[in-house]
Amino acid sequence: MDGSSKGFSLIKTADAVGHILCHDLTQIIAGQTKNARFRKGHIVAKEDIPVLLSMGKDNLYVWEAREGMLHENDAAARLAALCANAHMRQTPVKEGKIDLVAELDGLFTVDVPRLNAVNSLGEIIIATRHSNTAVKAGETLLGTRIIPLVILEEIIKKAEALCAENPLTHLSPWKLKTAAIVTTGNEVFEGRIPDRFTPIVSAKLAEFGITVIAHKLSNDDVTNIQCAITEVRRAKPDMILCTGGMSVDPDDRTPDAIRAVCSTIVTYGAPVLPGSMLMLGYCDDGTPVLGLPGCVMYDKFTAFDLALPRIAAGVKLSTADFAVMGHGGLCLKCEECFYPACAFGK
């Protein structure tokens, strides 16, 4: 398809006076700036010609509106609308691109199969963060644009048909506000060693706005652990965490106590290293109960960090959610940690 049939014409810059630019033109001055020197819709004046030529623009595309064609700015806006949801704001279009930015802290999720279907239509770009990512207000969630300067409206309509029922992405605010912790282990209960687990877990919860409202120590007796869980439930926390006693060692009885208080056990074990002995169950009232393995205390990031954002956003996890964690579930324990800007959990 030539330029004329796409809604724009190619003309020599020297002949462009009086014509309307159909896209932004970026000027790069080494070590100083890279920005749009001329914006879409600008009417080329005589004094612009030397500047354009200095930018390496010997030829220009000028806009000719044609039925059935969309300019890159209009197409980007319609693509952004397919993704936009509550708690997101659009940036002004710049050089044919529109971003969506988070308006609050929360969990960003993507309907990956539909995103792939839209991007497979051709000439369309919707680039997002990974699904199930914890984000903060002000962070960019995704960007939209088209590859050519103009596009057949029919392609955009196909994308819109794929997203007619629901947006491609969502940003959910943190919903869980409170937690209770049961610290297990004879060594802590009897005062042989200090409880180093609770401060670490409390700090991780605080990142999601979750406050610890109840805390109970227990030895390694199953009945006592179960009683401790029952006692902290009286505070009506949004979630309960049991720290320690999660291995197959005969003295580690926390899994048995969690099974006793939960009506549903989602998983005991996750294909993630570290954190493979993580346990998750739900009480009759839907309260999640997690068993945290000892590695949560001494490894920076574990399976707990992969599950916590979704739990904090009120997502009820399934066995299938944990099964897929194996791909990307190996933490490389880099000397300098950049999580979450790394491959772990992706």
Protein backbone atom coordinates (compact mmCIF):
# COMPACT_ATOMS: atom_id res chain seq x y z
CA MET A 1 0.00 0.00 0.00
CA ASP A 2 1.61 3.31 -1.07
CA GLY A 3 1.57 6.47 1.01
CA SER A 4 -1.23 8.08 -0.96
CA SER A 5 -3.59 5.18 -0.36
CA LYS A 6 -2.73 5.24 3.36
CA GLY A 7 -3.88 8.83 3.78
CA PHE A 8 -0.61 10.72 3.50
CA SER A 9 1.65 11.98 0.75
CA LEU A 10 5.41 12.03 0.45
CA ILE A 11 6.76 15.41 -0.68
CA LYS A 12 10.12 17.12 -0.80
CA THR A 13 10.82 19.24 2.27
CA ALA A 14 11.70 22.20 0.06
CA ASP A 15 8.13 22.08 -1.29
CA ALA A 16 6.41 21.58 2.11
CA VAL A 17 5.54 25.20 2.98
CA GLY A 18 1.84 25.36 3.85
CA HIS A 19 1.43 21.61 4.27
CA ILE A 20 0.30 19.91 7.52
CA LEU A 21 2.65 17.43 9.19
CA CYS A 22 0.97 14.10 9.92
CA HIS A 23 3.31 13.05 12.74
CA ASP A 24 5.77 14.41 15.27
CA LEU A 25 9.34 15.00 14.10
CA THR A 26 12.07 14.45 16.67
CA GLN A 27 15.22 16.57 16.77
CA ILE A 28 18.33 15.05 18.35
CA ILE A 29 21.16 17.31 19.47
CA ALA A 30 23.94 15.11 20.83
CA GLY A 31 24.45 15.58 24.55
CA GLN A 32 21.67 18.16 24.79
CA THR A 33 18.21 17.02 23.78
CA LYS A 34 16.00 14.51 22.06
CA ASN A 35 12.50 15.86 21.71
CA ALA A 36 9.76 16.59 19.23
CA ARG A 37 10.78 19.71 17.32
CA PHE A 38 7.63 19.79 15.21
CA ARG A 39 4.31 18.33 16.31
CA LYS A 40 1.57 16.63 14.33
CA GLY A 41 -0.72 19.26 12.81
CA HIS A 42 2.05 21.84 12.45
CA ILE A 43 1.75 23.89 9.27
CA VAL A 44 5.17 24.08 7.72
CA ALA A 45 6.47 27.66 7.40
CA LYS A 46 9.31 28.96 5.23
CA GLU A 47 11.60 29.39 8.24
CA ASP A 48 11.06 25.73 9.18
CA ILE A 49 12.71 24.41 6.02
CA PRO A 50 16.36 24.93 7.09
CA VAL A 51 15.62 23.37 10.49
CA LEU A 52 13.97 20.34 8.91
CA LEU A 53 16.84 19.86 6.51
CA SER A 54 19.34 20.09 9.40
CA MET A 55 17.39 17.27 11.07
CA GLY A 56 18.00 15.09 8.02
CA LYS A 57 14.43 15.45 6.75
CA ASP A 58 14.85 15.80 2.98
CA ASN A 59 11.33 14.45 2.50
CA LEU A 60 8.18 14.72 4.60
CA TYR A 61 4.90 12.91 4.99
CA VAL A 62 1.97 15.30 5.01
CA TRP A 63 -1.49 14.32 6.11
CA GLU A 64 -4.37 13.64 3.75
CA ALA A 65 -7.43 12.40 5.62
CA ARG A 66 -8.89 9.27 3.99
CA GLU A 67 -11.96 7.26 4.97
CA GLY A 68 -11.13 3.97 6.67
CA MET A 69 -7.67 5.07 7.82
CA LEU A 70 -6.53 6.17 11.29
CA HIS A 71 -3.60 8.37 12.18
CA GLU A 72 -1.14 6.91 14.71
CA ASN A 73 -2.34 9.25 17.49
CA ASP A 74 -5.98 8.26 17.06
CA ALA A 75 -5.07 4.57 16.85
CA ALA A 76 -2.96 4.76 20.02
CA ALA A 77 -5.88 6.34 21.87
CA ARG A 78 -8.24 3.56 20.83
CA LEU A 79 -5.71 0.89 21.81
CA ALA A 80 -5.20 2.55 25.20
CA ALA A 81 -8.97 2.43 25.70
CA LEU A 82 -8.85 -1.37 25.33
CA CYS A 83 -6.54 -1.57 28.34
CA ALA A 84 -7.70 1.33 30.49
CA ASN A 85 -9.50 0.45 33.68
CA ALA A 86 -10.17 1.91 37.09
CA HIS A 87 -7.19 3.45 38.87
CA MET A 88 -5.28 4.15 35.63
CA ARG A 89 -4.69 7.41 33.78
CA GLN A 90 -3.58 8.04 30.22
CA THR A 91 -0.61 10.20 29.35
CA PRO A 92 -0.93 12.73 26.52
CA VAL A 93 -0.05 11.25 23.16
CA LYS A 94 3.59 11.83 22.26
CA GLU A 95 5.19 10.71 19.02
CA GLY A 96 2.27 8.38 18.43
CA LYS A 97 2.48 6.66 21.84
CA ILE A 98 0.18 6.68 24.86
CA ASP A 99 1.07 5.20 28.25
CA LEU A 100 -1.20 4.11 31.08
CA VAL A 101 0.02 5.06 34.56
CA ALA A 102 -1.05 3.67 37.96
CA GLU A 103 -3.04 6.05 40.15
CA LEU A 104 -2.58 3.95 43.29
CA ASP A 105 -0.57 1.07 44.75
CA GLY A 106 -1.91 -2.33 43.78
CA LEU A 107 -1.75 -5.51 41.72
CA PHE A 108 -1.43 -5.14 37.94
CA THR A 109 -2.82 -8.06 35.95
CA VAL A 110 -2.91 -8.78 32.22
CA ASP A 111 -5.14 -11.08 30.18
CA VAL A 112 -2.11 -12.53 28.40
CA PRO A 113 -3.91 -14.73 25.83
CA ARG A 114 -6.04 -11.81 24.62
CA LEU A 115 -3.04 -9.47 24.67
CA ASN A 116 -1.20 -11.92 22.42
CA ALA A 117 -4.23 -12.12 20.13
CA VAL A 118 -4.38 -8.34 19.76
CA ASN A 119 -0.65 -8.01 19.11
CA SER A 120 -0.93 -10.79 16.51
CA LEU A 121 -3.26 -8.67 14.35
CA GLY A 122 -0.26 -6.86 12.92
CA GLU A 123 0.88 -3.22 12.98
CA ILE A 124 -0.28 -2.94 16.60
CA ILE A 125 1.84 -2.59 19.73
CA ILE A 126 0.56 -2.98 23.28
CA ALA A 127 3.56 -3.50 25.57
CA THR A 128 2.82 -4.18 29.25
CA ARG A 129 4.50 -5.07 32.51
CA HIS A 130 4.30 -8.70 33.54
CA SER A 131 0.96 -9.85 34.87
CA ASN A 132 0.59 -10.16 38.66
CA THR A 133 3.07 -7.36 39.28
CA ALA A 134 2.91 -5.20 42.40
CA VAL A 135 3.05 -1.55 41.32
CA LYS A 136 3.10 1.83 43.00
CA ALA A 137 1.18 4.97 42.15
CA GLY A 138 2.86 6.89 39.35
CA GLU A 139 4.50 3.86 37.73
CA THR A 140 3.94 3.15 34.03
CA LEU A 141 1.83 0.05 33.39
CA LEU A 142 1.88 -0.20 29.60
CA GLY A 143 2.35 1.65 26.34
CA THR A 144 0.32 1.60 23.12
CA ARG A 145 1.08 2.65 19.57
CA ILE A 146 0.97 1.42 15.98
CA ILE A 147 3.98 0.64 13.82
CA PRO A 148 3.09 2.67 10.68
CA LEU A 149 2.05 6.31 10.64
CA VAL A 150 -1.50 5.35 9.73
CA ILE A 151 -3.42 2.11 9.95
CA LEU A 152 -6.54 0.55 8.51
CA GLU A 153 -9.37 1.22 10.96
CA GLU A 154 -10.51 -2.33 10.30
CA ILE A 155 -7.48 -3.66 12.22
CA ILE A 156 -8.29 -1.51 15.24
CA LYS A 157 -11.91 -2.66 15.10
CA LYS A 158 -10.74 -6.28 15.22
CA ALA A 159 -8.74 -5.47 18.34
CA GLU A 160 -11.77 -3.78 19.87
CA ALA A 161 -13.89 -6.84 19.13
CA LEU A 162 -11.42 -9.01 21.07
CA CYS A 163 -11.78 -6.69 24.06
CA ALA A 164 -15.50 -5.94 23.86
CA GLU A 165 -16.40 -7.57 27.17
CA ASN A 166 -13.47 -6.70 29.44
CA PRO A 167 -10.34 -4.53 29.33
CA LEU A 168 -7.05 -6.29 28.68
CA THR A 169 -5.57 -5.16 31.99
CA HIS A 170 -6.65 -4.42 35.55
CA LEU A 171 -5.18 -2.59 38.52
CA SER A 172 -6.59 -3.82 41.82
CA PRO A 173 -5.88 -1.91 45.06
CA TRP A 174 -4.62 -3.82 48.08
CA LYS A 175 -7.66 -5.21 49.90
CA LEU A 176 -6.30 -7.09 52.89
CA LYS A 177 -5.54 -4.72 55.74
CA THR A 178 -4.73 -6.89 58.77
CA ALA A 179 -2.83 -10.07 59.59
CA ALA A 180 -2.09 -12.37 62.52
CA ILE A 181 1.15 -14.30 63.00
CA VAL A 182 1.66 -17.57 64.82
CA THR A 183 5.35 -18.21 65.48
CA THR A 184 6.10 -21.89 65.99
CA GLY A 185 9.11 -23.76 67.31
CA ASN A 186 10.19 -25.03 70.70
CA GLU A 187 13.43 -23.06 70.45
CA VAL A 188 11.54 -19.74 70.21
CA PHE A 189 8.68 -20.69 72.54
CA GLU A 190 11.10 -21.70 75.30
CA GLY A 191 13.29 -18.63 74.80
CA ARG A 192 16.39 -20.46 73.56
CA ILE A 193 16.62 -18.06 70.60
CA PRO A 194 14.86 -14.76 69.80
CA ASP A 195 11.99 -14.59 67.33
CA ARG A 196 13.66 -13.18 64.20
CA PHE A 197 10.90 -14.41 61.89
CA THR A 198 8.07 -12.08 62.95
CA PRO A 199 9.87 -8.76 62.28
CA ILE A 200 10.83 -9.90 58.78
CA VAL A 201 7.31 -11.02 57.90
CA SER A 202 5.76 -7.91 59.45
CA ALA A 203 8.01 -5.72 57.27
CA LYS A 204 6.99 -7.58 54.12
CA LEU A 205 3.31 -7.21 55.01
CA ALA A 206 3.73 -3.51 55.68
CA GLU A 207 4.82 -2.98 52.06
CA PHE A 208 1.25 -3.89 51.10
CA GLY A 209 -0.38 -1.80 53.80
CA ILE A 210 -1.09 -4.82 56.02
CA THR A 211 -0.84 -4.37 59.80
CA VAL A 212 -0.17 -7.23 62.24
CA ILE A 213 -2.96 -7.11 64.85
CA ALA A 214 -2.35 -10.39 66.68
CA HIS A 215 0.71 -12.51 67.45
CA LYS A 216 1.04 -15.80 69.31
CA LEU A 217 3.97 -18.08 70.11
CA SER A 218 3.56 -21.86 70.10
CA ASN A 219 5.76 -24.87 70.65
CA ASP A 220 5.85 -27.70 68.12
CA ASP A 221 2.81 -29.54 69.48
CA VAL A 222 0.09 -29.82 66.82
CA THR A 223 -2.72 -29.16 69.27
CA ASN A 224 -0.98 -26.09 70.65
CA ILE A 225 -0.32 -24.69 67.17
CA GLN A 226 -3.97 -25.28 66.26
CA CYS A 227 -5.09 -23.54 69.45
CA ALA A 228 -2.79 -20.60 68.71
CA ILE A 229 -4.29 -20.21 65.24
CA THR A 230 -7.79 -20.39 66.73
CA GLU A 231 -6.89 -17.76 69.30
CA VAL A 232 -5.51 -15.22 66.80
CA ARG A 233 -8.57 -15.76 64.60
CA ARG A 234 -10.62 -14.10 67.33
CA ALA A 235 -8.99 -10.81 66.31
CA LYS A 236 -10.60 -11.32 62.87
CA PRO A 237 -7.47 -10.73 60.78
CA ASP A 238 -7.72 -10.72 57.00
CA MET A 239 -4.98 -13.36 56.83
CA ILE A 240 -3.01 -15.65 59.14
CA LEU A 241 0.64 -16.60 58.77
CA CYS A 242 2.36 -19.46 60.57
CA THR A 243 6.13 -19.13 60.61
CA GLY A 244 8.43 -22.12 60.82
CA GLY A 245 7.95 -25.85 61.26
CA MET A 246 7.13 -26.44 57.58
CA SER A 247 9.67 -29.13 56.59
CA VAL A 248 9.29 -32.91 56.65
CA ASP A 249 11.31 -33.09 59.89
CA PRO A 250 9.38 -35.09 62.54
CA ASP A 251 9.43 -32.07 64.86
CA ASP A 252 7.83 -29.80 62.26
CA ARG A 253 4.09 -30.08 62.83
CA THR A 254 2.77 -26.77 61.47
CA PRO A 255 1.28 -28.32 58.27
CA ASP A 256 -0.86 -30.68 60.37
CA ALA A 257 -2.20 -27.76 62.41
CA ILE A 258 -3.02 -25.76 59.25
CA ARG A 259 -4.87 -28.75 57.80
CA ALA A 260 -6.91 -28.97 61.01
CA VAL A 261 -8.14 -25.35 60.84
CA CYS A 262 -8.60 -25.00 57.07
CA SER A 263 -11.52 -26.38 55.09
CA THR A 264 -9.48 -26.16 51.88
CA ILE A 265 -5.79 -26.81 51.34
CA VAL A 266 -4.62 -25.25 48.08
CA THR A 267 -1.04 -26.42 48.21
CA TYR A 268 1.69 -27.75 50.42
CA GLY A 269 4.71 -27.13 48.30
CA ALA A 270 5.45 -24.84 45.35
CA PRO A 271 7.82 -25.30 42.39
CA VAL A 272 9.88 -22.35 43.57
CA LEU A 273 13.39 -22.17 44.98
CA PRO A 274 13.69 -20.87 47.62
CA GLY A 275 10.32 -21.38 49.28
CA SER A 276 9.31 -24.81 48.04
CA MET A 277 7.71 -25.79 51.37
CA LEU A 278 5.16 -22.96 51.30
CA MET A 279 1.61 -23.93 52.32
CA LEU A 280 -1.69 -22.20 51.66
CA GLY A 281 -5.14 -23.06 52.90
CA TYR A 282 -8.45 -21.26 53.41
CA CYS A 283 -10.77 -21.33 56.42
CA ASP A 284 -14.53 -21.71 56.02
CA ASP A 285 -14.93 -17.92 56.03
CA GLY A 286 -12.34 -17.50 53.25
CA THR A 287 -9.47 -16.33 55.49
CA PRO A 288 -6.16 -17.42 53.93
CA VAL A 289 -3.72 -19.28 56.19
CA LEU A 290 -0.12 -19.53 55.06
CA GLY A 291 2.66 -21.73 56.35
CA LEU A 292 5.97 -20.01 55.74
CA PRO A 293 9.15 -22.10 55.48
CA GLY A 294 12.30 -21.04 57.27
CA CYS A 295 13.92 -19.66 54.12
CA VAL A 296 11.56 -16.65 54.31
CA MET A 297 13.62 -15.58 57.33
CA TYR A 298 17.02 -15.60 55.64
CA ASP A 299 16.44 -15.39 51.85
CA LYS A 300 15.52 -11.98 50.48
CA PHE A 301 12.80 -13.29 48.18
CA THR A 302 10.97 -16.61 48.10
CA ALA A 303 7.73 -18.23 46.98
CA PHE A 304 6.03 -16.15 49.66
CA ASP A 305 6.93 -12.96 47.78
CA LEU A 306 5.40 -14.37 44.58
CA ALA A 307 2.11 -15.27 46.26
CA LEU A 308 1.73 -12.33 48.64
CA PRO A 309 0.79 -9.59 46.11
CA ARG A 310 -2.17 -11.56 44.79
CA ILE A 311 -3.31 -12.55 48.26
CA ALA A 312 -3.00 -8.91 49.39
CA ALA A 313 -5.21 -7.89 46.45
CA GLY A 314 -7.90 -10.33 47.55
CA VAL A 315 -7.25 -12.91 44.82
CA LYS A 316 -8.14 -16.45 45.89
CA LEU A 317 -5.30 -18.61 44.61
CA SER A 318 -5.72 -22.10 43.21
CA THR A 319 -3.47 -25.12 42.86
CA ALA A 320 -3.01 -24.19 39.20
CA ASP A 321 -1.68 -20.76 40.18
CA PHE A 322 1.17 -22.43 42.02
CA ALA A 323 1.81 -25.11 39.40
CA VAL A 324 2.84 -22.49 36.82
CA MET A 325 5.33 -20.83 39.17
CA GLY A 326 8.00 -23.33 38.17
CA HIS A 327 8.76 -21.40 34.98
CA GLY A 328 10.90 -18.58 36.35
CA GLY A 329 10.66 -19.99 39.85
CA LEU A 330 14.42 -20.30 40.36
CA CYS A 331 16.02 -17.41 42.23
CA LEU A 332 19.64 -17.02 41.13
CA LYS A 333 20.58 -15.31 44.41
CA CYS A 334 22.59 -12.67 42.59
CA GLU A 335 25.29 -10.90 44.57
CA GLU A 336 23.44 -7.64 43.90
CA CYS A 337 19.68 -8.21 44.05
CA PHE A 338 17.41 -6.27 41.70
CA TYR A 339 14.11 -8.04 42.46
CA PRO A 340 11.44 -7.46 41.20
CA ALA A 341 13.34 -6.16 38.16
CA CYS A 342 14.67 -9.65 37.37
CA ALA A 343 13.55 -13.02 36.02
CA PHE A 344 12.45 -14.51 39.36
CA GLY A 345 8.75 -15.25 39.27
CA LYS A 346 8.36 -14.04 35.68
